[in-house]
Amino acid sequence: LAFEVPKPSNLHAWVRSEFERLGARADAEASRALVELVGEDVVALAGEAEKIVAWAAGEPIGRLEVEQLAAPGREATAWAVTDAWGARDVAAVLAACELALERKEPFVLAVGLAGHVGRVRSAQALAEEGLRTREIAGRLKMKEFPARKALQHAERYSREELDSALIRLAELDAALKGASRLSAELELERALVDITRAADRAAATP
């Protein structure tokens, strides 16, 4: 049993010490990335660190390796919907939505999605001003990993598409609050299709 559990503010340093204890060559960004992905569960962090070290087999470990290998924590499962939206994959976003609805209400998912799209729009605007990922993360008061995700998603959408998506999500909010007679699940799925598919396909669909 480990009785000296690190405080959340010291998790990055603790993970780095774990990497060192295991004989790995991991930099500070690798430790930070692991905490961002896995969360504050010390047992899970230790397990993921051991797995990554075993895979590295003595090779240097950085943020990229951690992001590719670490299993996200429970809070990261909500990223499935936003990741599919960011990839502009309609089938994947509907599948992720179906799974997410088993755990969360449509309104909760809609609020989370609207927040993400808003951050993507803000990250895109800041990137156009010449700011780097770390600066954007600081400006938006978010960690670097989700900021990088937001920038990746912003590459697949134009400013006009993101503006339209935010308007569509506002309409979804109204529908979920009683402006529609359709089920909340159907309204959410329809909105997801509208904001994910390419603009030319959306215009061609009556």
Foldseek 3Di string as FASTA:
>chain_A
DDPDQDDPVCQLVVLVVLCVVVVAQEDSQCSVLLCVFAPRDPVLSSVQSVVLRVVCVHPYDYNVSNVVRRHGHPVCLLCQLVLCLLVLPLVSNLVSLVVVVVPDPLLVNLVVNLVLLVLLLQLVVVVVVVDDQVVSCVVVVHDSVSSVVSPSSNVVDDNVLSVVLNVLSVVLNVVCVPPDPDDNSVSSSVSSNLSRHDPVVNVVPD
